Amino acid sequence: MSQASYKMPGSKPKIGLSACLAGFEVRYDGKHKRSSLCLDELSKHFSFETFCPEAAAGFGIPRPKMRLTGNPSRPTLRY
């Protein structure tokens, strides 16, 4: 059995979860999008490693809203 597939008896598999879904105020507007489904239901079966890709990339909080628009194969960043 490989080390990656082994887990201790009784331990929960660890999965990634966006920090804003975990209730951290990291969204562009400084708010969160706490998910009761994730925190109240899925947490019974999984443990979470939370992260915010935008904060990890150095974007501030709050920050301007950014959207990709136009042709999906060559989108334009709008903010």
PDB file of N, CA and C in Angstrom:
ATOM      1  N   MET A   1       0.860  -1.180   0.000  1.00  0.00           N
ATOM      2  CA  MET A   1       0.000   0.000   0.000  1.00  0.00           C
ATOM      3  C   MET A   1       0.898   1.233   0.000  1.00  0.00           C
ATOM      4  N   SER A   2       0.625   2.156  -0.894  1.00  0.00           N
ATOM      5  CA  SER A   2       1.442   3.370  -0.949  1.00  0.00           C
ATOM      6  C   SER A   2       1.112   4.284   0.222  1.00  0.00           C
ATOM      7  N   GLN A   3       2.072   5.114   0.580  1.00  0.00           N
ATOM      8  CA  GLN A   3       1.878   6.037   1.701  1.00  0.00           C
ATOM      9  C   GLN A   3       0.735   7.002   1.412  1.00  0.00           C
ATOM     10  N   ALA A   4       0.565   7.421   0.143  1.00  0.00           N
ATOM     11  CA  ALA A   4      -0.477   8.382  -0.215  1.00  0.00           C
ATOM     12  C   ALA A   4      -1.875   7.814   0.024  1.00  0.00           C
ATOM     13  N   SER A   5      -2.051   6.499  -0.114  1.00  0.00           N
ATOM     14  CA  SER A   5      -3.384   5.933   0.043  1.00  0.00           C
ATOM     15  C   SER A   5      -3.668   5.469   1.477  1.00  0.00           C
ATOM     16  N   TYR A   6      -2.676   5.499   2.356  1.00  0.00           N
ATOM     17  CA  TYR A   6      -2.861   5.062   3.732  1.00  0.00           C
ATOM     18  C   TYR A   6      -3.439   6.181   4.586  1.00  0.00           C
ATOM     19  N   LYS A   7      -4.393   5.849   5.412  1.00  0.00           N
ATOM     20  CA  LYS A   7      -4.888   6.817   6.395  1.00  0.00           C
ATOM     21  C   LYS A   7      -5.097   6.102   7.713  1.00  0.00           C
ATOM     22  N   MET A   8      -4.881   6.840   8.771  1.00  0.00           N
ATOM     23  CA  MET A   8      -5.023   6.274  10.105  1.00  0.00           C
ATOM     24  C   MET A   8      -6.490   5.910  10.340  1.00  0.00           C
ATOM     25  N   PRO A   9      -6.732   4.796  11.039  1.00  0.00           N
ATOM     26  CA  PRO A   9      -8.113   4.445  11.365  1.00  0.00           C
ATOM     27  C   PRO A   9      -8.800   5.598  12.108  1.00  0.00           C
ATOM     28  N   GLY A  10     -10.004   5.924  11.689  1.00  0.00           N
ATOM     29  CA  GLY A  10     -10.750   6.993  12.333  1.00  0.00           C
ATOM     30  C   GLY A  10     -10.436   8.384  11.821  1.00  0.00           C
ATOM     31  N   SER A  11      -9.403   8.518  10.990  1.00  0.00           N
ATOM     32  CA  SER A  11      -9.084   9.857  10.474  1.00  0.00           C
ATOM     33  C   SER A  11      -9.939  10.151   9.247  1.00  0.00           C
ATOM     34  N   LYS A  12     -10.144  11.411   9.007  1.00  0.00           N
ATOM     35  CA  LYS A  12     -10.949  11.842   7.865  1.00  0.00           C
ATOM     36  C   LYS A  12     -10.031  12.229   6.717  1.00  0.00           C
ATOM     37  N   PRO A  13     -10.423  11.964   5.476  1.00  0.00           N
ATOM     38  CA  PRO A  13      -9.641  12.432   4.337  1.00  0.00           C
ATOM     39  C   PRO A  13      -9.594  13.959   4.332  1.00  0.00           C
ATOM     40  N   LYS A  14      -8.451  14.514   3.990  1.00  0.00           N
ATOM     41  CA  LYS A  14      -8.294  15.967   3.935  1.00  0.00           C
ATOM     42  C   LYS A  14      -8.540  16.434   2.501  1.00  0.00           C
ATOM     43  N   ILE A  15      -9.386  17.466   2.368  1.00  0.00           N
ATOM     44  CA  ILE A  15      -9.656  18.043   1.055  1.00  0.00           C
ATOM     45  C   ILE A  15      -9.498  19.559   1.135  1.00  0.00           C
ATOM     46  N   GLY A  16      -9.281  20.181  -0.006  1.00  0.00           N
ATOM     47  CA  GLY A  16      -9.162  21.635  -0.069  1.00  0.00           C
ATOM     48  C   GLY A  16     -10.524  22.302  -0.045  1.00  0.00           C
ATOM     49  N   LEU A  17     -10.587  23.460   0.602  1.00  0.00           N
ATOM     50  CA  LEU A  17     -11.826  24.234   0.673  1.00  0.00           C
ATOM     51  C   LEU A  17     -11.471  25.704   0.600  1.00  0.00           C
ATOM     52  N   SER A  18     -12.148  26.417  -0.256  1.00  0.00           N
ATOM     53  CA  SER A  18     -11.920  27.853  -0.361  1.00  0.00           C
ATOM     54  C   SER A  18     -12.171  28.521   0.988  1.00  0.00           C
ATOM     55  N   ALA A  19     -11.261  29.393   1.391  1.00  0.00           N
ATOM     56  CA  ALA A  19     -11.341  30.043   2.701  1.00  0.00           C
ATOM     57  C   ALA A  19     -12.647  30.809   2.886  1.00  0.00           C
ATOM     58  N   CYS A  20     -13.171  31.415   1.827  1.00  0.00           N
ATOM     59  CA  CYS A  20     -14.426  32.167   1.973  1.00  0.00           C
ATOM     60  C   CYS A  20     -15.594  31.241   2.301  1.00  0.00           C
ATOM     61  N   LEU A  21     -15.558  29.991   1.803  1.00  0.00           N
ATOM     62  CA  LEU A  21     -16.609  29.028   2.140  1.00  0.00           C
ATOM     63  C   LEU A  21     -16.502  28.550   3.578  1.00  0.00           C
ATOM     64  N   ALA A  22     -15.295  28.652   4.145  1.00  0.00           N
ATOM     65  CA  ALA A  22     -15.083  28.275   5.544  1.00  0.00           C
ATOM     66  C   ALA A  22     -15.437  29.418   6.490  1.00  0.00           C
ATOM     67  N   GLY A  23     -15.840  30.572   5.947  1.00  0.00           N
ATOM     68  CA  GLY A  23     -16.258  31.693   6.780  1.00  0.00           C
ATOM     69  C   GLY A  23     -15.206  32.770   6.963  1.00  0.00           C
ATOM     70  N   PHE A  24     -14.046  32.632   6.320  1.00  0.00           N
ATOM     71  CA  PHE A  24     -13.016  33.674   6.405  1.00  0.00           C
ATOM     72  C   PHE A  24     -13.381  34.837   5.482  1.00  0.00           C
ATOM     73  N   GLU A  25     -13.196  36.049   5.953  1.00  0.00           N
ATOM     74  CA  GLU A  25     -13.571  37.250   5.193  1.00  0.00           C
ATOM     75  C   GLU A  25     -12.442  37.635   4.242  1.00  0.00           C
ATOM     76  N   VAL A  26     -12.347  36.884   3.134  1.00  0.00           N
ATOM     77  CA  VAL A  26     -11.261  37.072   2.166  1.00  0.00           C
ATOM     78  C   VAL A  26     -11.756  37.402   0.767  1.00  0.00           C
ATOM     79  N   ARG A  27     -13.052  37.534   0.574  1.00  0.00           N
ATOM     80  CA  ARG A  27     -13.575  37.839  -0.763  1.00  0.00           C
ATOM     81  C   ARG A  27     -13.191  39.254  -1.183  1.00  0.00           C
ATOM     82  N   TYR A  28     -13.396  39.553  -2.451  1.00  0.00           N
ATOM     83  CA  TYR A  28     -13.039  40.864  -2.995  1.00  0.00           C
ATOM     84  C   TYR A  28     -13.663  41.998  -2.203  1.00  0.00           C
ATOM     85  N   ASP A  29     -14.853  41.769  -1.634  1.00  0.00           N
ATOM     86  CA  ASP A  29     -15.555  42.821  -0.897  1.00  0.00           C
ATOM     87  C   ASP A  29     -15.300  42.751   0.611  1.00  0.00           C
ATOM     88  N   GLY A  30     -14.370  41.891   1.026  1.00  0.00           N
ATOM     89  CA  GLY A  30     -14.045  41.758   2.440  1.00  0.00           C
ATOM     90  C   GLY A  30     -15.041  40.914   3.219  1.00  0.00           C
ATOM     91  N   LYS A  31     -15.931  40.242   2.519  1.00  0.00           N
ATOM     92  CA  LYS A  31     -16.944  39.398   3.172  1.00  0.00           C
ATOM     93  C   LYS A  31     -16.597  37.926   2.967  1.00  0.00           C
ATOM     94  N   HIS A  32     -17.473  37.042   3.392  1.00  0.00           N
ATOM     95  CA  HIS A  32     -17.294  35.601   3.221  1.00  0.00           C
ATOM     96  C   HIS A  32     -18.526  35.029   2.553  1.00  0.00           C
ATOM     97  N   LYS A  33     -18.479  33.782   2.212  1.00  0.00           N
ATOM     98  CA  LYS A  33     -19.624  33.037   1.672  1.00  0.00           C
ATOM     99  C   LYS A  33     -19.715  31.713   2.427  1.00  0.00           C
ATOM    100  N   ARG A  34     -19.797  31.796   3.763  1.00  0.00           N
ATOM    101  CA  ARG A  34     -19.796  30.604   4.611  1.00  0.00           C
ATOM    102  C   ARG A  34     -20.803  29.577   4.104  1.00  0.00           C
ATOM    103  N   SER A  35     -20.343  28.356   3.946  1.00  0.00           N
ATOM    104  CA  SER A  35     -21.184  27.278   3.444  1.00  0.00           C
ATOM    105  C   SER A  35     -21.560  26.343   4.587  1.00  0.00           C
ATOM    106  N   SER A  36     -22.829  26.348   4.950  1.00  0.00           N
ATOM    107  CA  SER A  36     -23.271  25.424   6.000  1.00  0.00           C
ATOM    108  C   SER A  36     -23.210  23.986   5.494  1.00  0.00           C
ATOM    109  N   LEU A  37     -23.377  23.762   4.206  1.00  0.00           N
ATOM    110  CA  LEU A  37     -23.242  22.414   3.665  1.00  0.00           C
ATOM    111  C   LEU A  37     -21.834  21.873   3.947  1.00  0.00           C
ATOM    112  N   CYS A  38     -20.827  22.681   3.648  1.00  0.00           N
ATOM    113  CA  CYS A  38     -19.448  22.239   3.886  1.00  0.00           C
ATOM    114  C   CYS A  38     -19.150  22.096   5.368  1.00  0.00           C
ATOM    115  N   LEU A  39     -19.464  23.127   6.136  1.00  0.00           N
ATOM    116  CA  LEU A  39     -19.047  23.151   7.540  1.00  0.00           C
ATOM    117  C   LEU A  39     -19.895  22.282   8.456  1.00  0.00           C
ATOM    118  N   ASP A  40     -21.152  22.123   8.135  1.00  0.00           N
ATOM    119  CA  ASP A  40     -22.025  21.349   9.010  1.00  0.00           C
ATOM    120  C   ASP A  40     -22.211  19.903   8.555  1.00  0.00           C
ATOM    121  N   GLU A  41     -22.183  19.663   7.255  1.00  0.00           N
ATOM    122  CA  GLU A  41     -22.444  18.313   6.758  1.00  0.00           C
ATOM    123  C   GLU A  41     -21.173  17.605   6.284  1.00  0.00           C
ATOM    124  N   LEU A  42     -20.452  18.211   5.352  1.00  0.00           N
ATOM    125  CA  LEU A  42     -19.271  17.549   4.800  1.00  0.00           C
ATOM    126  C   LEU A  42     -18.159  17.392   5.830  1.00  0.00           C
ATOM    127  N   SER A  43     -18.121  18.285   6.819  1.00  0.00           N
ATOM    128  CA  SER A  43     -17.080  18.191   7.848  1.00  0.00           C
ATOM    129  C   SER A  43     -17.242  16.932   8.712  1.00  0.00           C
ATOM    130  N   LYS A  44     -18.386  16.284   8.637  1.00  0.00           N
ATOM    131  CA  LYS A  44     -18.573  15.013   9.342  1.00  0.00           C
ATOM    132  C   LYS A  44     -17.724  13.909   8.702  1.00  0.00           C
ATOM    133  N   HIS A  45     -17.375  14.098   7.425  1.00  0.00           N
ATOM    134  CA  HIS A  45     -16.690  13.057   6.667  1.00  0.00           C
ATOM    135  C   HIS A  45     -15.283  13.451   6.208  1.00  0.00           C
ATOM    136  N   PHE A  46     -14.995  14.758   6.183  1.00  0.00           N
ATOM    137  CA  PHE A  46     -13.721  15.253   5.673  1.00  0.00           C
ATOM    138  C   PHE A  46     -13.132  16.282   6.629  1.00  0.00           C
ATOM    139  N   SER A  47     -11.815  16.421   6.608  1.00  0.00           N
ATOM    140  CA  SER A  47     -11.189  17.573   7.253  1.00  0.00           C
ATOM    141  C   SER A  47     -10.748  18.500   6.124  1.00  0.00           C
ATOM    142  N   PHE A  48     -10.708  19.782   6.404  1.00  0.00           N
ATOM    143  CA  PHE A  48     -10.452  20.773   5.359  1.00  0.00           C
ATOM    144  C   PHE A  48      -9.096  21.446   5.506  1.00  0.00           C
ATOM    145  N   GLU A  49      -8.465  21.679   4.385  1.00  0.00           N
ATOM    146  CA  GLU A  49      -7.296  22.552   4.280  1.00  0.00           C
ATOM    147  C   GLU A  49      -7.813  23.781   3.550  1.00  0.00           C
ATOM    148  N   THR A  50      -7.943  24.896   4.253  1.00  0.00           N
ATOM    149  CA  THR A  50      -8.535  26.090   3.636  1.00  0.00           C
ATOM    150  C   THR A  50      -7.459  26.940   2.977  1.00  0.00           C
ATOM    151  N   PHE A  51      -7.859  27.632   1.923  1.00  0.00           N
ATOM    152  CA  PHE A  51      -6.949  28.509   1.192  1.00  0.00           C
ATOM    153  C   PHE A  51      -7.758  29.535   0.414  1.00  0.00           C
ATOM    154  N   CYS A  52      -7.122  30.632   0.083  1.00  0.00           N
ATOM    155  CA  CYS A  52      -7.707  31.646  -0.785  1.00  0.00           C
ATOM    156  C   CYS A  52      -6.702  31.912  -1.903  1.00  0.00           C
ATOM    157  N   PRO A  53      -6.976  31.468  -3.117  1.00  0.00           N
ATOM    158  CA  PRO A  53      -6.024  31.663  -4.209  1.00  0.00           C
ATOM    159  C   PRO A  53      -5.683  33.129  -4.450  1.00  0.00           C
ATOM    160  N   GLU A  54      -6.676  34.011  -4.359  1.00  0.00           N
ATOM    161  CA  GLU A  54      -6.432  35.427  -4.608  1.00  0.00           C
ATOM    162  C   GLU A  54      -5.522  36.032  -3.542  1.00  0.00           C
ATOM    163  N   ALA A  55      -5.773  35.716  -2.283  1.00  0.00           N
ATOM    164  CA  ALA A  55      -4.918  36.226  -1.206  1.00  0.00           C
ATOM    165  C   ALA A  55      -3.512  35.641  -1.325  1.00  0.00           C
ATOM    166  N   ALA A  56      -3.419  34.355  -1.687  1.00  0.00           N
ATOM    167  CA  ALA A  56      -2.115  33.725  -1.859  1.00  0.00           C
ATOM    168  C   ALA A  56      -1.328  34.368  -3.000  1.00  0.00           C
ATOM    169  N   ALA A  57      -2.035  34.884  -4.001  1.00  0.00           N
ATOM    170  CA  ALA A  57      -1.384  35.544  -5.138  1.00  0.00           C
ATOM    171  C   ALA A  57      -1.005  36.983  -4.823  1.00  0.00           C
ATOM    172  N   GLY A  58      -1.387  37.472  -3.636  1.00  0.00           N
ATOM    173  CA  GLY A  58      -0.995  38.813  -3.224  1.00  0.00           C
ATOM    174  C   GLY A  58      -2.036  39.891  -3.437  1.00  0.00           C
ATOM    175  N   PHE A  59      -3.231  39.507  -3.877  1.00  0.00           N
ATOM    176  CA  PHE A  59      -4.294  40.503  -4.031  1.00  0.00           C
ATOM    177  C   PHE A  59      -4.761  40.951  -2.654  1.00  0.00           C
ATOM    178  N   GLY A  60      -5.071  42.206  -2.502  1.00  0.00           N
ATOM    179  CA  GLY A  60      -5.505  42.741  -1.223  1.00  0.00           C
ATOM    180  C   GLY A  60      -6.933  42.369  -0.890  1.00  0.00           C
ATOM    181  N   ILE A  61      -7.309  42.653   0.341  1.00  0.00           N
ATOM    182  CA  ILE A  61      -8.677  42.439   0.814  1.00  0.00           C
ATOM    183  C   ILE A  61      -9.090  43.703   1.534  1.00  0.00           C
ATOM    184  N   PRO A  62     -10.121  44.404   1.117  1.00  0.00           N
ATOM    185  CA  PRO A  62     -10.889  44.170  -0.111  1.00  0.00           C
ATOM    186  C   PRO A  62     -10.078  44.544  -1.343  1.00  0.00           C
ATOM    187  N   ARG A  63     -10.599  44.195  -2.500  1.00  0.00           N
ATOM    188  CA  ARG A  63      -9.935  44.465  -3.776  1.00  0.00           C
ATOM    189  C   ARG A  63     -11.000  44.719  -4.837  1.00  0.00           C
ATOM    190  N   PRO A  64     -10.626  45.308  -5.957  1.00  0.00           N
ATOM    191  CA  PRO A  64     -11.624  45.507  -7.021  1.00  0.00           C
ATOM    192  C   PRO A  64     -12.163  44.167  -7.517  1.00  0.00           C
ATOM    193  N   LYS A  65     -13.435  44.138  -7.843  1.00  0.00           N
ATOM    194  CA  LYS A  65     -14.037  42.941  -8.414  1.00  0.00           C
ATOM    195  C   LYS A  65     -13.434  42.716  -9.797  1.00  0.00           C
ATOM    196  N   MET A  66     -13.084  41.482 -10.129  1.00  0.00           N
ATOM    197  CA  MET A  66     -12.524  41.149 -11.432  1.00  0.00           C
ATOM    198  C   MET A  66     -13.416  40.116 -12.103  1.00  0.00           C
ATOM    199  N   ARG A  67     -13.589  40.274 -13.423  1.00  0.00           N
ATOM    200  CA  ARG A  67     -14.390  39.325 -14.200  1.00  0.00           C
ATOM    201  C   ARG A  67     -13.696  39.055 -15.521  1.00  0.00           C
ATOM    202  N   LEU A  68     -13.852  37.847 -16.035  1.00  0.00           N
ATOM    203  CA  LEU A  68     -13.405  37.524 -17.378  1.00  0.00           C
ATOM    204  C   LEU A  68     -14.611  37.638 -18.294  1.00  0.00           C
ATOM    205  N   THR A  69     -14.476  38.397 -19.380  1.00  0.00           N
ATOM    206  CA  THR A  69     -15.581  38.601 -20.309  1.00  0.00           C
ATOM    207  C   THR A  69     -15.114  38.307 -21.728  1.00  0.00           C
ATOM    208  N   GLY A  70     -16.081  38.209 -22.633  1.00  0.00           N
ATOM    209  CA  GLY A  70     -15.764  38.044 -24.044  1.00  0.00           C
ATOM    210  C   GLY A  70     -15.595  36.601 -24.460  1.00  0.00           C
ATOM    211  N   ASN A  71     -14.756  36.399 -25.455  1.00  0.00           N
ATOM    212  CA  ASN A  71     -14.523  35.096 -26.052  1.00  0.00           C
ATOM    213  C   ASN A  71     -13.863  34.159 -25.028  1.00  0.00           C
ATOM    214  N   PRO A  72     -14.471  33.001 -24.735  1.00  0.00           N
ATOM    215  CA  PRO A  72     -13.894  32.087 -23.741  1.00  0.00           C
ATOM    216  C   PRO A  72     -12.476  31.617 -24.078  1.00  0.00           C
ATOM    217  N   SER A  73     -12.125  31.563 -25.360  1.00  0.00           N
ATOM    218  CA  SER A  73     -10.771  31.126 -25.700  1.00  0.00           C
ATOM    219  C   SER A  73      -9.748  32.249 -25.571  1.00  0.00           C
ATOM    220  N   ARG A  74     -10.198  33.501 -25.521  1.00  0.00           N
ATOM    221  CA  ARG A  74      -9.322  34.649 -25.322  1.00  0.00           C
ATOM    222  C   ARG A  74     -10.072  35.715 -24.491  1.00  0.00           C
ATOM    223  N   PRO A  75     -10.343  35.402 -23.222  1.00  0.00           N
ATOM    224  CA  PRO A  75     -11.148  36.329 -22.415  1.00  0.00           C
ATOM    225  C   PRO A  75     -10.396  37.615 -22.083  1.00  0.00           C
ATOM    226  N   THR A  76     -11.162  38.635 -21.752  1.00  0.00           N
ATOM    227  CA  THR A  76     -10.631  39.923 -21.330  1.00  0.00           C
ATOM    228  C   THR A  76     -10.899  40.087 -19.849  1.00  0.00           C
ATOM    229  N   LEU A  77      -9.890  40.532 -19.112  1.00  0.00           N
ATOM    230  CA  LEU A  77     -10.042  40.781 -17.671  1.00  0.00           C
ATOM    231  C   LEU A  77     -10.617  42.175 -17.471  1.00  0.00           C
ATOM    232  N   ARG A  78     -11.728  42.271 -16.772  1.00  0.00           N
ATOM    233  CA  ARG A  78     -12.359  43.548 -16.451  1.00  0.00           C
ATOM    234  C   ARG A  78     -12.358  43.742 -14.943  1.00  0.00           C
ATOM    235  N   TYR A  79     -12.013  44.943 -14.512  1.00  0.00           N
ATOM    236  CA  TYR A  79     -12.088  45.270 -13.081  1.00  0.00           C
ATOM    237  C   TYR A  79     -12.402  46.713 -12.890  1.00  0.00           C
TER     238      TYR A  79
END
